[in-house]
Structure formats: C-alpha cells, structure tokens
Amino acid sequence: MDMYQREPVGEGAHQEIFPEEVERWRRRGASIVDVREGWEYERGHLPGAANVPLGELPERMGELGKGPIVLVCASGNRSEQGARFLSRSGFGEVANLLGGTVGWARRGRPLE
C-alpha cells in the first residue's frame, strides 16, 4: 500500500482533533506518535510522544499496536497523511492533531 496514494472520499477515515482533546485520548490509552524527522522531534515534542518519521511509518507500523493513536507533526499536514495511511491499513482509532506542535505550543501547552 502506497502511503502517498490518493484515495476516494470516505476511505482512510480518521478524526481531526484539537490540542484540548489530546488528554481525553490519552485517558483512553492512546499513543502519541510524532511523524516528524528525528532532528525536528529533538527540538521539542509533545510529552510522552514516540518518534516514527512519516517515511518510516509503513515499515514500522507494527510497533504501534492496535490501540488509539494520535499523530502529530509541526503543522498537521504530515500527520494527516500518516493518519489516512494508518486508517486505510486497518487501524481503528486514529486521530490527527490539528495545528501540530506549533498549534500545541501556541495554546501554552508544554513541549519536551
């Protein structure tokens, strides 16, 4: 399956969530996955987020488990691509963090 392939509307369904919703997802056991490159991740990431760069997602998705997942990047674009890919690949509860780490920080939320 090609992660960058465009799919018809309705396939690859995932949720788009705001920073205020991340804690609710965490309480439900969601993993936070940052799909930026390692050097971007090191400059600051959501607390507890794992780093799986978008380009590595197809071969590393087995590391993610099947529980809820929130994907994040700098702005929400790369993580949206990753969320579509995971949803099409059979992951049931996948969300994209709107605004990414930039939006997260602008709302006064901490980065590690």
C-alpha atoms as a PDB file:
ATOM      1  CA  MET A   1       0.000   0.000   0.000  1.00  0.00           C
ATOM      2  CA  ASP A   2       1.389   3.397  -1.002  1.00  0.00           C
ATOM      3  CA  MET A   3       1.215   5.926   1.816  1.00  0.00           C
ATOM      4  CA  TYR A   4       1.088   8.838  -0.644  1.00  0.00           C
ATOM      5  CA  GLN A   5      -1.639   7.371  -2.856  1.00  0.00           C
ATOM      6  CA  ARG A   6      -4.786   9.467  -3.056  1.00  0.00           C
ATOM      7  CA  GLU A   7      -7.893   7.584  -2.018  1.00  0.00           C
ATOM      8  CA  PRO A   8     -11.584   8.170  -2.752  1.00  0.00           C
ATOM      9  CA  VAL A   9     -13.534  10.200  -0.220  1.00  0.00           C
ATOM     10  CA  GLY A  10     -14.691   8.006   2.647  1.00  0.00           C
ATOM     11  CA  GLU A  11     -11.683   5.699   2.717  1.00  0.00           C
ATOM     12  CA  GLY A  12      -8.960   6.113   5.302  1.00  0.00           C
ATOM     13  CA  ALA A  13     -11.325   7.749   7.787  1.00  0.00           C
ATOM     14  CA  HIS A  14      -9.694   9.265  10.831  1.00  0.00           C
ATOM     15  CA  GLN A  15     -10.519  12.046  13.262  1.00  0.00           C
ATOM     16  CA  GLU A  16      -9.126  15.569  13.311  1.00  0.00           C
ATOM     17  CA  ILE A  17      -8.692  16.762  16.905  1.00  0.00           C
ATOM     18  CA  PHE A  18      -7.703  19.982  18.650  1.00  0.00           C
ATOM     19  CA  PRO A  19      -4.982  20.175  21.326  1.00  0.00           C
ATOM     20  CA  GLU A  20      -7.647  20.336  24.033  1.00  0.00           C
ATOM     21  CA  GLU A  21      -8.795  16.829  23.063  1.00  0.00           C
ATOM     22  CA  VAL A  22      -5.416  15.085  23.350  1.00  0.00           C
ATOM     23  CA  GLU A  23      -5.732  14.416  27.093  1.00  0.00           C
ATOM     24  CA  ARG A  24      -9.101  12.721  26.570  1.00  0.00           C
ATOM     25  CA  TRP A  25      -7.453  10.435  24.002  1.00  0.00           C
ATOM     26  CA  ARG A  26      -4.571   9.741  26.413  1.00  0.00           C
ATOM     27  CA  ARG A  27      -7.025   8.725  29.146  1.00  0.00           C
ATOM     28  CA  ARG A  28      -8.441   6.194  26.682  1.00  0.00           C
ATOM     29  CA  GLY A  29      -4.952   4.732  26.272  1.00  0.00           C
ATOM     30  CA  ALA A  30      -3.909   6.486  23.067  1.00  0.00           C
ATOM     31  CA  SER A  31      -0.310   6.508  21.939  1.00  0.00           C
ATOM     32  CA  ILE A  32       1.040   9.846  20.733  1.00  0.00           C
ATOM     33  CA  VAL A  33       3.220   9.414  17.635  1.00  0.00           C
ATOM     34  CA  ASP A  34       5.273  12.275  16.202  1.00  0.00           C
ATOM     35  CA  VAL A  35       5.861  11.703  12.477  1.00  0.00           C
ATOM     36  CA  ARG A  36       8.482  14.432  12.032  1.00  0.00           C
ATOM     37  CA  GLU A  37      12.120  13.708  11.312  1.00  0.00           C
ATOM     38  CA  GLY A  38      14.308  12.905  14.317  1.00  0.00           C
ATOM     39  CA  TRP A  39      16.034  16.293  14.347  1.00  0.00           C
ATOM     40  CA  GLU A  40      12.628  18.049  14.432  1.00  0.00           C
ATOM     41  CA  TYR A  41      11.416  15.783  17.223  1.00  0.00           C
ATOM     42  CA  GLU A  42      14.541  16.546  19.274  1.00  0.00           C
ATOM     43  CA  ARG A  43      13.788  20.287  19.074  1.00  0.00           C
ATOM     44  CA  GLY A  44      10.557  19.748  21.012  1.00  0.00           C
ATOM     45  CA  HIS A  45       7.703  17.248  21.063  1.00  0.00           C
ATOM     46  CA  LEU A  46       4.520  16.518  22.979  1.00  0.00           C
ATOM     47  CA  PRO A  47       5.228  14.927  26.359  1.00  0.00           C
ATOM     48  CA  GLY A  48       5.475  11.166  26.035  1.00  0.00           C
ATOM     49  CA  ALA A  49       5.332  11.137  22.234  1.00  0.00           C
ATOM     50  CA  ALA A  50       7.197   8.433  20.329  1.00  0.00           C
ATOM     51  CA  ASN A  51       9.044   9.374  17.127  1.00  0.00           C
ATOM     52  CA  VAL A  52       8.246   7.420  13.952  1.00  0.00           C
ATOM     53  CA  PRO A  53       9.101   9.610  10.932  1.00  0.00           C
ATOM     54  CA  LEU A  54       6.432   9.605   8.225  1.00  0.00           C
ATOM     55  CA  GLY A  55       8.741   7.979   5.682  1.00  0.00           C
ATOM     56  CA  GLU A  56       9.312   5.054   8.081  1.00  0.00           C
ATOM     57  CA  LEU A  57       5.664   4.581   9.022  1.00  0.00           C
ATOM     58  CA  PRO A  58       4.879   1.766   6.533  1.00  0.00           C
ATOM     59  CA  GLU A  59       7.670  -0.488   7.796  1.00  0.00           C
ATOM     60  CA  ARG A  60       7.292   0.492  11.479  1.00  0.00           C
ATOM     61  CA  MET A  61       3.518   0.489  11.899  1.00  0.00           C
ATOM     62  CA  GLY A  62       3.767  -2.929  13.562  1.00  0.00           C
ATOM     63  CA  GLU A  63       5.447  -1.177  16.518  1.00  0.00           C
ATOM     64  CA  LEU A  64       2.330   0.905  17.160  1.00  0.00           C
ATOM     65  CA  GLY A  65      -0.089  -1.696  18.479  1.00  0.00           C
ATOM     66  CA  LYS A  66      -3.786  -1.512  17.651  1.00  0.00           C
ATOM     67  CA  GLY A  67      -4.994   0.900  20.339  1.00  0.00           C
ATOM     68  CA  PRO A  68      -5.977   4.515  19.718  1.00  0.00           C
ATOM     69  CA  ILE A  69      -3.252   6.644  18.115  1.00  0.00           C
ATOM     70  CA  VAL A  70      -2.840  10.412  17.837  1.00  0.00           C
ATOM     71  CA  LEU A  71      -0.421  11.505  15.127  1.00  0.00           C
ATOM     72  CA  VAL A  72       1.357  14.846  15.289  1.00  0.00           C
ATOM     73  CA  CYS A  73       3.841  16.821  13.183  1.00  0.00           C
ATOM     74  CA  ALA A  74       4.767  20.504  13.057  1.00  0.00           C
ATOM     75  CA  SER A  75       1.563  21.779  11.434  1.00  0.00           C
ATOM     76  CA  GLY A  76      -0.787  18.825  10.944  1.00  0.00           C
ATOM     77  CA  ASN A  77      -0.057  18.107   7.273  1.00  0.00           C
ATOM     78  CA  ARG A  78       2.345  15.167   7.515  1.00  0.00           C
ATOM     79  CA  SER A  79       0.444  13.699  10.428  1.00  0.00           C
ATOM     80  CA  GLU A  80      -2.763  13.889   8.371  1.00  0.00           C
ATOM     81  CA  GLN A  81      -1.084  11.825   5.638  1.00  0.00           C
ATOM     82  CA  GLY A  82       0.045   9.321   8.249  1.00  0.00           C
ATOM     83  CA  ALA A  83      -3.415   9.174   9.832  1.00  0.00           C
ATOM     84  CA  ARG A  84      -5.020   8.401   6.460  1.00  0.00           C
ATOM     85  CA  PHE A  85      -2.420   5.710   5.828  1.00  0.00           C
ATOM     86  CA  LEU A  86      -2.924   4.021   9.208  1.00  0.00           C
ATOM     87  CA  SER A  87      -6.708   4.140   8.859  1.00  0.00           C
ATOM     88  CA  ARG A  88      -6.533   2.533   5.405  1.00  0.00           C
ATOM     89  CA  SER A  89      -4.169  -0.065   6.872  1.00  0.00           C
ATOM     90  CA  GLY A  90      -6.733  -1.241   9.411  1.00  0.00           C
ATOM     91  CA  PHE A  91      -6.014   0.876  12.484  1.00  0.00           C
ATOM     92  CA  GLY A  92      -9.381   1.594  14.069  1.00  0.00           C
ATOM     93  CA  GLU A  93      -8.971   4.743  16.140  1.00  0.00           C
ATOM     94  CA  VAL A  94      -6.611   7.235  14.573  1.00  0.00           C
ATOM     95  CA  ALA A  95      -6.547  10.996  15.043  1.00  0.00           C
ATOM     96  CA  ASN A  96      -4.564  13.845  13.550  1.00  0.00           C
ATOM     97  CA  LEU A  97      -3.642  16.741  15.849  1.00  0.00           C
ATOM     98  CA  LEU A  98      -4.754  19.912  14.070  1.00  0.00           C
ATOM     99  CA  GLY A  99      -2.103  22.628  14.157  1.00  0.00           C
ATOM    100  CA  GLY A 100       0.613  20.172  15.168  1.00  0.00           C
ATOM    101  CA  THR A 101       3.298  21.119  17.663  1.00  0.00           C
ATOM    102  CA  VAL A 102       3.070  24.757  16.552  1.00  0.00           C
ATOM    103  CA  GLY A 103      -0.614  24.950  17.485  1.00  0.00           C
ATOM    104  CA  TRP A 104       0.043  22.975  20.665  1.00  0.00           C
ATOM    105  CA  ALA A 105       2.727  25.433  21.829  1.00  0.00           C
ATOM    106  CA  ARG A 106       0.658  28.489  20.812  1.00  0.00           C
ATOM    107  CA  ARG A 107      -2.005  27.299  23.232  1.00  0.00           C
ATOM    108  CA  GLY A 108       0.583  27.346  26.024  1.00  0.00           C
ATOM    109  CA  ARG A 109       0.959  23.587  26.221  1.00  0.00           C
ATOM    110  CA  PRO A 110       4.357  22.108  27.129  1.00  0.00           C
ATOM    111  CA  LEU A 111       6.889  20.510  24.803  1.00  0.00           C
ATOM    112  CA  GLU A 112       9.675  18.189  25.954  1.00  0.00           C
END
